Protein backbone atom coordinates (compact mmCIF):
# COMPACT_ATOMS: atom_id res chain seq x y z
CA UNK A 1 38.08 -24.79 182.42
CA UNK A 2 41.66 -25.03 181.10
CA UNK A 3 44.28 -25.66 183.49
CA UNK A 4 46.27 -23.14 184.84
CA UNK A 5 49.38 -22.28 182.60
CA UNK A 6 53.04 -23.06 183.78
CA UNK A 7 55.89 -22.47 182.02
CA UNK A 8 57.55 -25.44 180.51
CA UNK A 9 60.50 -26.20 182.62
CA UNK A 10 64.02 -26.54 180.87
CA UNK A 11 65.74 -29.74 181.64
CA UNK A 12 69.52 -29.93 182.44
CA UNK A 13 72.01 -31.50 180.21
CA UNK A 14 71.83 -34.64 182.51
CA UNK A 15 68.25 -34.85 182.57
CA UNK A 16 68.03 -34.55 178.71
CA UNK A 17 70.37 -37.47 178.29
CA UNK A 18 68.47 -39.55 180.75
CA UNK A 19 65.24 -38.65 178.85
CA UNK A 20 66.82 -39.90 175.88
CA UNK A 21 67.51 -43.29 177.30
CA UNK A 22 64.13 -43.15 178.73
CA UNK A 23 62.54 -42.67 175.42
CA UNK A 24 64.45 -45.59 173.80
CA UNK A 25 63.34 -47.78 176.67
CA UNK A 26 59.69 -46.98 176.23
CA UNK A 27 59.67 -47.27 172.66
CA UNK A 28 61.62 -50.61 172.67
CA UNK A 29 59.56 -52.10 175.38
CA UNK A 30 57.78 -54.17 172.79
CA UNK A 31 60.97 -56.08 172.46
CA UNK A 32 60.76 -57.23 176.08
CA UNK A 33 57.36 -58.40 175.34
CA UNK A 34 58.29 -60.17 172.13
CA UNK A 35 61.46 -61.86 173.77
CA UNK A 36 59.13 -62.80 176.63
CA UNK A 37 56.79 -64.48 173.83
CA UNK A 38 59.95 -66.08 172.26
CA UNK A 39 60.93 -67.82 175.56
CA UNK A 40 57.56 -69.16 175.89
CA UNK A 41 57.07 -70.29 172.25
CA UNK A 42 60.72 -71.88 172.71
CA UNK A 43 59.97 -73.69 176.11
CA UNK A 44 62.85 -71.82 177.84
CA UNK A 45 61.23 -71.87 181.48
CA UNK A 46 60.07 -75.34 181.36
CA UNK A 47 63.65 -76.44 179.87
CA UNK A 48 65.38 -74.63 182.93
CA UNK A 49 62.89 -76.46 185.22
CA UNK A 50 64.05 -79.72 183.71
CA UNK A 51 67.38 -79.12 183.68
CA UNK A 52 67.38 -79.04 187.50
CA UNK A 53 66.56 -75.45 187.85
CA UNK A 54 69.76 -73.85 186.43
CA UNK A 55 70.99 -73.60 182.75
CA UNK A 56 73.46 -71.84 180.69
CA UNK A 57 72.71 -70.71 177.35
CA UNK A 58 74.71 -73.52 175.86
CA UNK A 59 72.67 -76.02 177.81
CA UNK A 60 69.54 -74.49 176.62
CA UNK A 61 70.80 -74.97 172.74
CA UNK A 62 71.22 -78.43 173.75
CA UNK A 63 68.07 -79.20 175.67
CA UNK A 64 65.94 -77.22 172.94
CA UNK A 65 67.65 -78.47 169.81
CA UNK A 66 68.46 -75.34 168.41
CA UNK A 67 71.16 -74.36 165.90
CA UNK A 68 74.55 -74.13 167.63
CA UNK A 69 75.07 -71.00 165.46
CA UNK A 70 72.24 -69.39 167.64
CA UNK A 71 74.23 -69.43 170.84
CA UNK A 72 75.46 -65.88 171.03
CA UNK A 73 72.06 -64.59 170.06
CA UNK A 74 70.41 -66.50 172.71
CA UNK A 75 72.80 -65.08 175.34
CA UNK A 76 71.65 -61.64 174.29
CA UNK A 77 68.01 -62.71 174.45
CA UNK A 78 68.42 -64.04 177.98
CA UNK A 79 70.43 -61.30 179.19
CA UNK A 80 67.64 -58.77 178.54
CA UNK A 81 64.96 -61.24 179.89
CA UNK A 82 67.18 -61.48 183.09
CA UNK A 83 67.42 -57.63 183.62
CA UNK A 84 63.46 -57.55 183.07
CA UNK A 85 63.31 -59.98 186.04
CA UNK A 86 61.94 -63.18 183.75
CA UNK A 87 64.94 -64.94 184.99
CA UNK A 88 67.56 -64.71 187.47
CA UNK A 89 71.09 -64.63 186.27
CA UNK A 90 74.42 -65.67 188.03
CA UNK A 91 77.40 -64.09 186.56
CA UNK A 92 79.89 -65.62 189.11
CA UNK A 93 81.34 -68.39 186.77
CA UNK A 94 82.89 -68.28 183.36
CA UNK A 95 79.53 -68.79 181.70
CA UNK A 96 76.27 -67.17 182.76
CA UNK A 97 73.83 -69.29 184.56
CA UNK A 98 70.20 -68.64 184.48
CA UNK A 99 67.59 -69.87 186.82
CA UNK A 100 63.75 -69.15 187.42
CA UNK A 101 62.27 -66.11 188.97
CA UNK A 102 58.83 -66.18 190.49
CA UNK A 103 57.74 -64.65 187.02
CA UNK A 104 59.03 -67.47 184.78
CA UNK A 105 57.77 -70.12 187.56
CA UNK A 106 54.46 -69.12 186.39
CA UNK A 107 55.39 -70.42 182.71
CA UNK A 108 56.68 -73.72 183.35
CA UNK A 109 54.88 -77.08 182.55
CA UNK A 110 54.34 -79.69 185.06
CA UNK A 111 55.01 -78.09 188.38
CA UNK A 112 53.90 -80.08 191.33
CA UNK A 113 52.24 -77.13 193.45
CA UNK A 114 48.73 -76.43 193.94
CA UNK A 115 49.05 -72.85 193.53
CA UNK A 116 50.67 -72.99 190.15
CA UNK A 117 48.63 -72.52 186.94
CA UNK A 118 50.50 -71.98 183.85
CA UNK A 119 50.23 -68.53 182.53
CA UNK A 120 51.86 -69.23 178.82
CA UNK A 121 48.37 -68.76 177.32
CA UNK A 122 48.12 -65.23 178.85
CA UNK A 123 51.43 -64.14 177.26
CA UNK A 124 50.71 -65.52 174.03
CA UNK A 125 47.41 -64.02 174.02
CA UNK A 126 48.47 -60.58 175.13
CA UNK A 127 51.56 -60.51 172.59
CA UNK A 128 49.24 -61.96 169.52
CA UNK A 129 49.04 -60.06 166.38
CA UNK A 130 45.43 -59.05 166.66
CA UNK A 131 45.89 -57.18 170.13
CA UNK A 132 48.73 -55.29 169.10
CA UNK A 133 47.03 -54.26 165.61
CA UNK A 134 44.24 -52.94 167.81
CA UNK A 135 46.73 -51.14 170.05
CA UNK A 136 48.72 -49.63 167.01
CA UNK A 137 45.35 -48.17 165.98
CA UNK A 138 44.71 -46.26 169.19
CA UNK A 139 45.46 -42.70 167.73
CA UNK A 140 42.92 -43.14 164.91
CA UNK A 141 40.38 -44.52 167.11
CA UNK A 142 40.52 -41.44 169.37
CA UNK A 143 39.93 -39.34 166.41
CA UNK A 144 36.65 -41.15 165.61
CA UNK A 145 33.20 -40.76 167.04
CA UNK A 146 32.99 -44.42 167.84
CA UNK A 147 31.93 -46.11 171.19
CA UNK A 148 33.47 -49.48 170.13
CA UNK A 149 36.55 -50.56 171.82
CA UNK A 150 39.52 -50.48 169.21
CA UNK A 151 39.78 -54.22 169.19
CA UNK A 152 36.09 -54.59 167.84
CA UNK A 153 36.49 -51.61 165.61
CA UNK A 154 39.72 -52.89 163.86
CA UNK A 155 38.62 -56.53 163.81
CA UNK A 156 34.82 -56.29 163.54
CA UNK A 157 34.60 -58.89 166.29
CA UNK A 158 34.43 -58.86 170.35
CA UNK A 159 36.72 -60.49 172.56
CA UNK A 160 35.43 -63.65 174.11
CA UNK A 161 32.16 -63.59 171.61
CA UNK A 162 31.00 -66.01 169.05
CA UNK A 163 31.85 -63.26 166.38
CA UNK A 164 35.67 -63.69 167.22
CA UNK A 165 35.39 -67.50 167.14
CA UNK A 166 33.91 -67.19 163.60
CA UNK A 167 36.94 -64.79 162.54
CA UNK A 168 40.02 -66.59 164.26
CA UNK A 169 39.03 -69.90 165.99
CA UNK A 170 42.44 -70.28 167.34
CA UNK A 171 42.72 -66.89 168.75
CA UNK A 172 39.45 -67.16 170.24
CA UNK A 173 40.59 -70.48 172.10
CA UNK A 174 43.76 -68.93 173.29
CA UNK A 175 41.82 -65.85 174.74
CA UNK A 176 39.60 -68.27 176.63
CA UNK A 177 42.80 -70.34 177.81
CA UNK A 178 44.25 -66.92 178.80
CA UNK A 179 41.28 -65.89 180.69
CA UNK A 180 40.93 -69.27 182.60
CA UNK A 181 44.30 -69.04 183.67
CA UNK A 182 44.29 -65.80 184.67
CA UNK A 183 40.75 -65.95 186.74
CA UNK A 184 41.68 -69.37 188.33
CA UNK A 185 44.83 -68.45 189.54
CA UNK A 186 45.27 -67.96 193.43
CA UNK A 187 42.20 -69.36 194.41
CA UNK A 188 43.93 -71.54 196.96
CA UNK A 189 45.85 -68.83 198.37
CA UNK A 190 43.07 -66.55 198.57
CA UNK A 191 40.84 -69.25 200.55
CA UNK A 192 43.52 -69.48 202.86
CA UNK A 193 44.05 -65.66 203.48
CA UNK A 194 40.30 -65.08 203.73
CA UNK A 195 39.26 -68.03 205.39
CA UNK A 196 37.34 -66.25 208.13
CA UNK A 197 35.09 -64.70 205.11
CA UNK A 198 33.88 -68.15 203.97
CA UNK A 199 33.44 -69.82 207.42
CA UNK A 200 30.34 -68.08 207.92
CA UNK A 201 28.79 -68.52 204.66
CA UNK A 202 25.80 -70.99 204.29
CA UNK A 203 25.10 -70.66 200.26
CA UNK A 204 26.98 -68.97 197.57
CA UNK A 205 26.50 -68.16 193.91
CA UNK A 206 29.46 -67.51 191.59
CA UNK A 207 28.51 -65.37 188.92
CA UNK A 208 30.14 -65.90 185.58
CA UNK A 209 31.78 -68.93 187.43
CA UNK A 210 32.79 -70.75 184.16
CA UNK A 211 33.70 -74.35 184.55
CA UNK A 212 33.25 -74.18 188.27
CA UNK A 213 36.90 -74.51 189.21
CA UNK A 214 36.52 -71.78 191.88
CA UNK A 215 33.25 -73.18 193.36
CA UNK A 216 34.62 -76.70 193.46
CA UNK A 217 37.83 -75.32 195.38
CA UNK A 218 35.38 -73.50 197.45
CA UNK A 219 33.29 -76.61 198.43
CA UNK A 220 36.40 -78.71 199.01
CA UNK A 221 37.77 -76.35 201.39
CA UNK A 222 34.18 -75.74 203.12
CA UNK A 223 32.19 -78.46 202.54
CA UNK A 224 29.13 -76.78 204.50
CA UNK A 225 28.84 -74.11 201.77
CA UNK A 226 25.96 -74.90 199.04
CA UNK A 227 27.77 -73.64 195.73
CA UNK A 228 25.95 -72.56 192.65
CA UNK A 229 27.68 -71.36 189.47
CA UNK A 230 25.72 -69.16 187.07
CA UNK A 231 27.24 -68.61 183.46
CA UNK A 232 25.69 -68.51 180.04
CA UNK A 233 24.17 -71.79 178.27
CA UNK A 234 27.06 -72.15 176.05
CA UNK A 235 29.23 -72.53 179.07
CA UNK A 236 27.05 -74.81 181.22
CA UNK A 237 26.12 -77.21 178.62
CA UNK A 238 29.86 -78.26 178.48
CA UNK A 239 30.14 -78.75 182.11
CA UNK A 240 29.37 -82.45 183.22
CA UNK A 241 27.19 -82.80 186.46
CA UNK A 242 29.51 -83.44 189.35
CA UNK A 243 27.35 -83.87 192.52
CA UNK A 244 29.47 -80.92 193.89
CA UNK A 245 28.21 -77.82 192.52
CA UNK A 246 24.77 -76.54 190.97
CA UNK A 247 25.20 -75.35 187.54
CA UNK A 248 22.65 -72.93 186.25
CA UNK A 249 22.30 -71.46 182.71
CA UNK A 250 21.31 -67.77 182.53
CA UNK A 251 22.15 -64.15 181.92
CA UNK A 252 23.45 -62.09 184.97
CA UNK A 253 21.92 -59.18 183.69
CA UNK A 254 18.40 -60.73 184.07
CA UNK A 255 18.56 -63.03 186.96
CA UNK A 256 21.00 -64.34 189.74
CA UNK A 257 20.21 -67.48 191.65
CA UNK A 258 19.51 -66.48 195.18
CA UNK A 259 22.02 -67.20 197.84
CA UNK A 260 23.35 -65.90 201.25
CA UNK A 261 26.56 -64.32 199.38
CA UNK A 262 27.03 -63.76 195.60
CA UNK A 263 30.50 -63.71 194.37
CA UNK A 264 31.98 -61.66 191.38
CA UNK A 265 35.59 -62.65 190.79
CA UNK A 266 37.41 -60.79 188.15
CA UNK A 267 33.97 -60.05 186.25
CA UNK A 268 32.99 -56.50 186.48
CA UNK A 269 36.43 -55.21 185.08
CA UNK A 270 35.35 -56.54 181.59
CA UNK A 271 32.20 -54.07 181.91
CA UNK A 272 31.36 -50.44 181.76
CA UNK A 273 30.33 -48.52 184.77
CA UNK A 274 26.49 -48.67 183.66
CA UNK A 275 26.67 -52.44 183.07
CA UNK A 276 28.27 -52.97 186.34
CA UNK A 277 25.32 -51.03 187.99
CA UNK A 278 22.85 -53.35 186.55
CA UNK A 279 24.81 -56.35 187.33
CA UNK A 280 25.17 -55.40 191.04
CA UNK A 281 21.52 -54.57 191.15
CA UNK A 282 20.81 -58.22 190.01
CA UNK A 283 23.07 -59.40 192.71
CA UNK A 284 21.28 -57.25 195.37
CA UNK A 285 18.02 -58.77 194.40
CA UNK A 286 19.51 -62.37 195.06
CA UNK A 287 20.75 -61.91 198.68
CA UNK A 288 19.14 -61.45 201.88
CA UNK A 289 19.65 -58.43 204.47
CA UNK A 290 22.72 -57.59 205.83
CA UNK A 291 21.49 -58.71 209.18
CA UNK A 292 20.73 -62.11 207.83
CA UNK A 293 24.50 -62.25 206.34
CA UNK A 294 23.70 -61.19 202.86
CA UNK A 295 26.47 -59.64 200.91
CA UNK A 296 28.32 -59.37 197.54
CA UNK A 297 31.88 -60.58 197.63
CA UNK A 298 33.79 -59.02 194.82
CA UNK A 299 37.46 -59.81 193.92
CA UNK A 300 38.77 -57.45 191.24
CA UNK A 301 42.04 -54.98 190.46
CA UNK A 302 41.86 -51.91 192.55
CA UNK A 303 44.20 -49.19 191.34
CA UNK A 304 46.33 -48.08 194.12
CA UNK A 305 48.35 -44.78 194.66
CA UNK A 306 51.88 -45.75 195.46
CA UNK A 307 54.22 -45.36 192.35
CA UNK A 308 56.05 -48.77 191.62
CA UNK A 309 55.56 -52.00 189.22
CA UNK A 310 52.32 -53.21 190.90
CA UNK A 311 50.76 -49.57 189.99
CA UNK A 312 52.12 -49.84 186.37
CA UNK A 313 50.56 -53.32 186.02
CA UNK A 314 47.22 -52.21 187.14
CA UNK A 315 47.18 -49.12 184.51
CA UNK A 316 48.73 -51.35 181.94
CA UNK A 317 45.77 -53.78 182.68
CA UNK A 318 43.57 -50.73 182.44
CA UNK A 319 44.70 -49.40 179.02
CA UNK A 320 44.37 -53.20 177.81
CA UNK A 321 40.55 -52.98 178.84
CA UNK A 322 40.40 -50.00 177.02
CA UNK A 323 41.77 -51.44 173.93
CA UNK A 324 39.97 -54.95 174.00
CA UNK A 325 36.77 -54.43 175.94
CA UNK A 326 34.55 -51.88 177.09
CA UNK A 327 35.63 -52.36 180.62
CA UNK A 328 38.17 -50.63 182.92
CA UNK A 329 40.08 -50.96 185.84
CA UNK A 330 38.88 -48.92 189.00
CA UNK A 331 40.29 -47.20 192.30
CA UNK A 332 38.54 -47.50 195.33
CA UNK A 333 36.51 -44.31 194.63
CA UNK A 334 35.30 -45.57 191.20
CA UNK A 335 34.22 -48.89 192.99
CA UNK A 336 32.43 -46.94 195.81
CA UNK A 337 30.68 -44.84 193.09
CA UNK A 338 29.10 -48.07 191.41
CA UNK A 339 28.37 -49.68 194.93
CA UNK A 340 26.29 -46.60 195.71
CA UNK A 341 24.32 -46.51 192.37
CA UNK A 342 23.43 -50.15 192.54
CA UNK A 343 21.80 -49.41 195.57
CA UNK A 344 24.01 -50.62 198.26
CA UNK A 345 24.23 -49.12 201.80
CA UNK A 346 27.66 -49.75 202.60
CA UNK A 347 30.79 -51.79 201.91
CA UNK A 348 34.31 -52.65 203.08
CA UNK A 349 37.61 -53.18 201.29
CA UNK A 350 38.62 -56.40 203.17
CA UNK A 351 42.15 -56.57 202.04
CA UNK A 352 44.63 -56.37 198.83
CA UNK A 353 45.60 -59.34 197.24
CA UNK A 354 48.31 -58.54 194.74
CA UNK A 355 47.14 -56.48 192.07
CA UNK A 356 43.54 -57.25 193.16
CA UNK A 357 41.38 -56.14 196.27
CA UNK A 358 38.73 -57.96 197.80
CA UNK A 359 35.38 -56.26 198.56
CA UNK A 360 32.34 -57.03 200.82
CA UNK A 361 29.34 -55.23 199.67
CA UNK A 362 26.17 -54.73 201.85
CA UNK A 363 22.36 -54.39 200.91
């Protein structure tokens, strides 16, 4: 059914002038991303950190051994990044002084902070040639009767798959480094904020748990929990036995090692709704009844409803999934639907955790 027709409102002069400026901004946003990439490649966040946390553009020219003639251009780059929130700018003196913001703090090497994971690989991965080329083909992709995501359609290879390694080993490595920084970030904070959830758990299987970073952190904080990591054989075979975590090679679509709690952390957003239902159905087989403490613990992006930068970030991640994978980001109603289709009886959204939410899903 077609939407009810409404006359197109005629903008005012002021609205049209603002609209033009907004079009400039949206059309040129890629320059903000590429300026951020430039800052990462030059090592500007780390340079500011090593200079005591504050630096002028001239200080950065010296510290990074850049040609002095590039000073006026670096000032312009830093000005844009400061306005974008990447750096903090102090204009009270004769020369602008730049400091790290929380965003650029995540791009520094050598920070002595357990919460810190360098996200430079994520920036470099997201702004690289291959995902940009896939995004540039979106209009053509929409016109075709194809089911493969734009990235796979354009490059003939799947993200995080052997086919990409064969095509471009360097980008494949960068994508996996980016995934690790993304997935492992915030573990310590989560264990502090959700301590009451883990205190009652006796055994836990971390599905697609990679190298076991999350599982080892859980055992360190809660030694009574018996942790198992399930991942593909190609992942597990590279992990040395540590005597702390039990590592199992397998396929989450076919079998999940039994435990009181099964955990899926930033896994399901890579998969279609149909695949998520299959994965969750296997999770349900692996846990005991709710009365015996059985549940599935899910940490993943939950699209909110309040306008602002957080919602924009969540929706950008959704279109990134559309472009790169067969997955998607979901709001609470979307999550509820796949929980019920997988045969679960109830769920609870425990808490929002940045852009993510934490669900307990009950058999």
